[in-house]
Amino acid sequence: MDELRHIIKKKHIFLVDRGNSAIKVALKTAQKLGNSKVYIPDQGGWMTYRQFPKKFGLEQEEIKTDYGLIKSNNLKKLEGVLLYQSLAGYFAEQDVKGIRKKFKGLIILDVCNLSKKVDLHSDILIGSFGQAKVVDLGYGGFIATDDDRIAEQIDIKGVEFADVYFEKLVDKLLMAKKRLKQLCNTSKKVKKDLKKFKIIHKDKKGINVIVKFSNEEEKGKIIDYCSEKEYEYTLCPRYIRVNEEAVSIELKRLS
């Protein structure tokens, strides 16, 4: 656990069996603390953001974003819980500090760029060690907090992390900083290669690269580039990327 604590700068850390389990536990904890409403981004989130709140009787509302990026000034009058990813759709870094300053409710931050010394501006920090993540163990996740009151309400019964994976997790944590740097560098190269196209949030740090197209010819050229470079891709609109016709180049899936 010392290796994990070196990266996740939170007082209380709980390991669970899946990233989705961490989301469920975080939302259940928020409900126990008296919250009744959850805000999620209208794009650039994770698919279960739209599925899980109702499991705990939480009202849900989607916040209008700039292709997944949350505008902190839109948060001033909101109350309840904010659930979002540190990298919108894995392609654009959020202003986590600005969001924390403006949103006065409970923040659950799903950290995508987990590597070294993560001390992000949240009440509850969650993450996944699943396949195609920065810490790509292929199993497990975590939930963490500095707040003693919140920690008392966190219940991971039934979703505990299996000890058999712990040694391998340590190895993956030690490699996370290098892996994140490699993925970000590859992202920069792809953006340079495709600079003639409309790249969404091209100046933002991220892993995936999302390229808009306006016709079938442009779409074909982007896909041909992916095939040539052997990069996996998906087509948008997709909630977990952007609500726009585009090609999402899934660099996070690189091994």
Protein backbone atom coordinates (compact mmCIF):
# COMPACT_ATOMS: atom_id res chain seq x y z
CA MET A 1 0.00 0.00 0.00
CA ASP A 2 2.98 2.34 0.51
CA GLU A 3 3.59 2.43 -3.25
CA LEU A 4 -0.02 3.44 -3.86
CA ARG A 5 0.03 6.00 -1.07
CA HIS A 6 3.13 7.58 -2.63
CA ILE A 7 1.07 8.28 -5.76
CA ILE A 8 -2.39 8.93 -4.30
CA LYS A 9 -1.91 11.66 -1.74
CA LYS A 10 -5.05 10.87 0.24
CA LYS A 11 -5.34 9.84 3.89
CA HIS A 12 -7.78 6.97 3.32
CA ILE A 13 -7.39 4.58 0.35
CA PHE A 14 -9.65 1.61 -0.38
CA LEU A 15 -8.86 -0.92 -3.12
CA VAL A 16 -11.78 -2.48 -4.99
CA ASP A 17 -12.26 -5.07 -7.72
CA ARG A 18 -13.23 -2.71 -10.57
CA GLY A 19 -13.28 0.93 -11.55
CA ASN A 20 -17.07 0.70 -11.85
CA SER A 21 -17.21 -0.60 -8.28
CA ALA A 22 -15.36 2.53 -7.17
CA ILE A 23 -17.97 4.69 -8.92
CA LYS A 24 -20.80 2.78 -7.25
CA VAL A 25 -19.22 3.01 -3.80
CA ALA A 26 -18.55 6.74 -4.24
CA LEU A 27 -22.16 7.45 -5.27
CA LYS A 28 -23.55 5.31 -2.46
CA THR A 29 -21.31 7.20 -0.03
CA ALA A 30 -22.55 10.52 -1.41
CA GLN A 31 -26.14 9.39 -0.86
CA LYS A 32 -25.37 8.34 2.72
CA LEU A 33 -23.97 11.83 3.34
CA GLY A 34 -27.35 13.35 2.49
CA ASN A 35 -26.89 14.25 -1.16
CA SER A 36 -29.79 13.79 -3.56
CA LYS A 37 -28.52 15.10 -6.90
CA VAL A 38 -25.56 14.27 -9.16
CA TYR A 39 -24.20 16.43 -11.96
CA ILE A 40 -22.26 14.78 -14.78
CA PRO A 41 -20.79 16.21 -18.01
CA ASP A 42 -22.95 15.99 -21.15
CA GLN A 43 -20.04 14.29 -22.97
CA GLY A 44 -16.51 13.15 -22.22
CA GLY A 45 -17.58 11.09 -19.20
CA TRP A 46 -17.81 7.36 -18.57
CA MET A 47 -20.84 5.29 -19.63
CA THR A 48 -21.84 4.26 -16.11
CA TYR A 49 -22.14 7.91 -15.04
CA ARG A 50 -25.53 7.80 -16.73
CA GLN A 51 -26.50 4.42 -15.25
CA PHE A 52 -25.44 4.31 -11.62
CA PRO A 53 -26.97 7.37 -9.87
CA LYS A 54 -30.53 6.02 -10.12
CA LYS A 55 -29.40 2.82 -8.36
CA PHE A 56 -29.04 4.89 -5.19
CA GLY A 57 -32.08 7.10 -5.70
CA LEU A 58 -30.05 10.07 -6.88
CA GLU A 59 -31.44 12.62 -9.28
CA GLN A 60 -29.15 13.21 -12.26
CA GLU A 61 -28.48 16.22 -14.46
CA GLU A 62 -26.04 16.68 -17.31
CA ILE A 63 -23.94 19.85 -17.44
CA LYS A 64 -23.37 21.49 -20.82
CA THR A 65 -19.64 21.35 -21.59
CA ASP A 66 -17.19 22.51 -24.22
CA TYR A 67 -16.62 19.10 -25.79
CA GLY A 68 -16.31 17.50 -22.36
CA LEU A 69 -14.49 20.35 -20.62
CA ILE A 70 -16.43 21.74 -17.67
CA LYS A 71 -16.63 25.53 -17.50
CA SER A 72 -16.10 26.40 -13.86
CA ASN A 73 -18.25 29.55 -14.04
CA ASN A 74 -21.28 27.38 -14.80
CA LEU A 75 -20.97 25.67 -11.41
CA LYS A 76 -21.49 28.58 -9.02
CA LYS A 77 -25.16 28.00 -8.15
CA LEU A 78 -25.19 24.22 -8.29
CA GLU A 79 -25.61 22.08 -5.17
CA GLY A 80 -25.13 18.37 -4.71
CA VAL A 81 -22.49 16.08 -6.22
CA LEU A 82 -20.25 16.60 -9.23
CA LEU A 83 -18.89 13.45 -10.90
CA TYR A 84 -16.40 13.90 -13.73
CA GLN A 85 -13.11 12.69 -15.24
CA SER A 86 -9.76 14.46 -14.87
CA LEU A 87 -9.24 13.95 -18.61
CA ALA A 88 -12.46 14.51 -20.53
CA GLY A 89 -12.83 11.43 -22.69
CA TYR A 90 -9.13 10.81 -22.08
CA PHE A 91 -8.34 13.59 -24.58
CA ALA A 92 -8.39 16.91 -22.68
CA GLU A 93 -7.20 17.86 -19.20
CA GLN A 94 -9.82 19.48 -16.98
CA ASP A 95 -9.24 22.60 -14.89
CA VAL A 96 -9.62 20.64 -11.66
CA LYS A 97 -8.43 23.53 -9.49
CA GLY A 98 -10.85 26.01 -11.04
CA ILE A 99 -13.72 23.54 -10.76
CA ARG A 100 -12.98 22.99 -7.07
CA LYS A 101 -13.04 26.75 -6.42
CA LYS A 102 -16.44 27.23 -8.05
CA PHE A 103 -18.33 24.08 -7.06
CA LYS A 104 -19.22 24.09 -3.38
CA GLY A 105 -20.76 20.63 -3.21
CA LEU A 106 -19.19 17.17 -3.05
CA ILE A 107 -16.74 16.42 -5.86
CA ILE A 108 -16.10 12.86 -7.03
CA LEU A 109 -13.15 12.97 -9.41
CA ASP A 110 -12.42 10.00 -11.66
CA VAL A 111 -8.67 10.30 -12.24
CA CYS A 112 -7.60 9.14 -15.71
CA ASN A 113 -4.00 10.37 -15.66
CA LEU A 114 -2.93 8.42 -12.57
CA SER A 115 0.86 8.32 -12.47
CA LYS A 116 2.77 10.04 -9.67
CA LYS A 117 1.79 12.14 -6.66
CA VAL A 118 -1.88 12.57 -7.44
CA ASP A 119 -3.29 15.22 -5.10
CA LEU A 120 -6.22 16.48 -7.14
CA HIS A 121 -8.91 18.87 -5.96
CA SER A 122 -11.69 16.52 -4.91
CA ASP A 123 -13.56 15.20 -1.88
CA ILE A 124 -13.53 11.66 -3.21
CA LEU A 125 -10.95 10.42 -5.70
CA ILE A 126 -11.67 7.29 -7.70
CA GLY A 127 -9.82 5.43 -10.42
CA SER A 128 -9.47 2.25 -12.41
CA PHE A 129 -6.59 -0.16 -12.96
CA GLY A 130 -8.43 -1.81 -15.85
CA GLN A 131 -7.21 -2.70 -19.29
CA ALA A 132 -6.26 0.32 -21.44
CA LYS A 133 -5.78 2.57 -18.40
CA VAL A 134 -2.57 4.36 -17.37
CA VAL A 135 -2.16 1.75 -14.62
CA ASP A 136 -3.17 -1.09 -16.94
CA LEU A 137 -3.32 -4.02 -14.54
CA GLY A 138 -6.51 -5.27 -16.17
CA TYR A 139 -8.18 -5.59 -12.78
CA GLY A 140 -9.26 -3.40 -9.90
CA GLY A 141 -9.64 0.21 -8.90
CA PHE A 142 -9.66 2.46 -5.85
CA ILE A 143 -11.57 5.06 -3.87
CA ALA A 144 -9.75 7.58 -1.67
CA THR A 145 -10.44 10.60 0.51
CA ASP A 146 -8.81 12.89 3.08
CA ASP A 147 -12.08 13.41 4.93
CA ASP A 148 -12.56 11.20 8.02
CA ARG A 149 -16.35 11.66 7.92
CA ILE A 150 -16.51 10.50 4.32
CA ALA A 151 -14.16 7.57 5.00
CA GLU A 152 -16.47 6.33 7.77
CA GLN A 153 -19.28 5.98 5.24
CA ILE A 154 -17.29 4.11 2.59
CA ASP A 155 -18.32 0.45 2.46
CA ILE A 156 -16.50 -1.85 0.02
CA LYS A 157 -18.01 -5.09 1.28
CA GLY A 158 -18.45 -7.49 -1.63
CA VAL A 159 -16.14 -5.55 -3.99
CA GLU A 160 -12.82 -5.95 -2.19
CA PHE A 161 -9.56 -6.10 -4.17
CA ALA A 162 -8.12 -9.62 -4.46
CA ASP A 163 -4.72 -9.81 -2.75
CA VAL A 164 -3.35 -12.08 -5.46
CA TYR A 165 -3.12 -9.03 -7.79
CA PHE A 166 -1.34 -6.74 -5.35
CA GLU A 167 2.27 -7.53 -6.30
CA LYS A 168 1.54 -6.98 -9.98
CA LEU A 169 -0.29 -3.75 -9.11
CA VAL A 170 2.84 -2.43 -7.43
CA ASP A 171 4.84 -3.14 -10.59
CA LYS A 172 2.26 -1.31 -12.73
CA LEU A 173 2.25 1.68 -10.37
CA LEU A 174 6.01 1.96 -10.67
CA MET A 175 5.69 2.04 -14.46
CA ALA A 176 2.73 4.45 -14.57
CA LYS A 177 4.67 7.71 -14.87
CA LYS A 178 6.67 6.40 -17.83
CA ARG A 179 3.56 4.98 -19.52
CA LEU A 180 1.63 8.26 -19.15
CA LYS A 181 4.55 10.24 -20.59
CA GLN A 182 4.81 7.88 -23.58
CA LEU A 183 1.07 8.09 -24.27
CA CYS A 184 1.06 11.89 -24.04
CA ASN A 185 4.08 12.13 -26.34
CA THR A 186 2.37 9.86 -28.87
CA SER A 187 -0.72 12.07 -28.64
CA LYS A 188 1.38 15.14 -29.47
CA LYS A 189 2.88 13.37 -32.49
CA VAL A 190 -0.55 12.35 -33.79
CA LYS A 191 -1.81 15.93 -33.43
CA LYS A 192 1.20 17.13 -35.41
CA ASP A 193 0.64 14.51 -38.12
CA LEU A 194 -3.03 15.48 -38.44
CA LYS A 195 -2.63 19.25 -38.01
CA LYS A 196 -4.53 19.93 -41.24
CA PHE A 197 -7.67 18.47 -39.67
CA LYS A 198 -9.94 19.88 -36.97
CA ILE A 199 -8.62 18.38 -33.73
CA ILE A 200 -10.83 18.92 -30.70
CA HIS A 201 -8.96 20.65 -27.84
CA LYS A 202 -5.69 20.18 -29.70
CA ASP A 203 -3.80 22.39 -27.23
CA LYS A 204 -4.98 20.47 -24.17
CA LYS A 205 -2.89 17.72 -22.63
CA GLY A 206 -4.41 14.30 -23.12
CA ILE A 207 -3.98 10.73 -24.30
CA ASN A 208 -6.59 10.08 -26.98
CA VAL A 209 -6.89 12.36 -30.00
CA ILE A 210 -10.30 13.29 -31.38
CA VAL A 211 -10.47 14.52 -34.97
CA LYS A 212 -13.62 15.99 -36.49
CA PHE A 213 -14.60 15.34 -40.09
CA SER A 214 -17.08 17.16 -42.30
CA ASN A 215 -17.43 14.60 -45.09
CA GLU A 216 -16.67 10.98 -45.99
CA GLU A 217 -13.42 11.89 -47.70
CA GLU A 218 -12.00 13.46 -44.53
CA LYS A 219 -13.28 10.57 -42.46
CA GLY A 220 -11.57 8.11 -44.79
CA LYS A 221 -8.23 9.93 -44.62
CA ILE A 222 -8.26 9.92 -40.82
CA ILE A 223 -9.14 6.22 -40.72
CA ASP A 224 -6.44 5.43 -43.28
CA TYR A 225 -3.92 7.20 -41.04
CA CYS A 226 -5.03 5.09 -38.06
CA SER A 227 -4.72 1.91 -40.12
CA GLU A 228 -1.26 2.85 -41.34
CA LYS A 229 -0.04 3.59 -37.80
CA GLU A 230 -1.96 0.60 -36.34
CA TYR A 231 -3.89 2.83 -33.95
CA GLU A 232 -7.29 1.65 -32.76
CA TYR A 233 -10.12 4.11 -33.25
CA THR A 234 -13.84 4.53 -32.61
CA LEU A 235 -16.41 6.70 -34.34
CA CYS A 236 -18.32 9.47 -32.60
CA PRO A 237 -20.80 10.72 -31.53
CA ARG A 238 -20.29 8.75 -28.30
CA TYR A 239 -21.04 9.95 -24.79
CA ILE A 240 -17.68 8.76 -23.47
CA ARG A 241 -15.88 10.87 -26.09
CA VAL A 242 -17.80 13.69 -27.87
CA ASN A 243 -21.29 14.29 -29.23
CA GLU A 244 -19.92 15.19 -32.64
CA GLU A 245 -19.08 13.41 -35.88
CA ALA A 246 -15.44 12.58 -35.31
CA VAL A 247 -12.83 9.85 -35.12
CA SER A 248 -11.49 9.10 -31.65
CA ILE A 249 -7.96 7.74 -31.91
CA GLU A 250 -7.72 5.42 -28.91
CA LEU A 251 -4.07 5.80 -27.95
CA LYS A 252 -4.88 4.74 -24.38
CA ARG A 253 -5.19 1.21 -25.74
CA LEU A 254 -1.53 1.10 -26.73
CA SER A 255 0.47 -1.39 -24.70
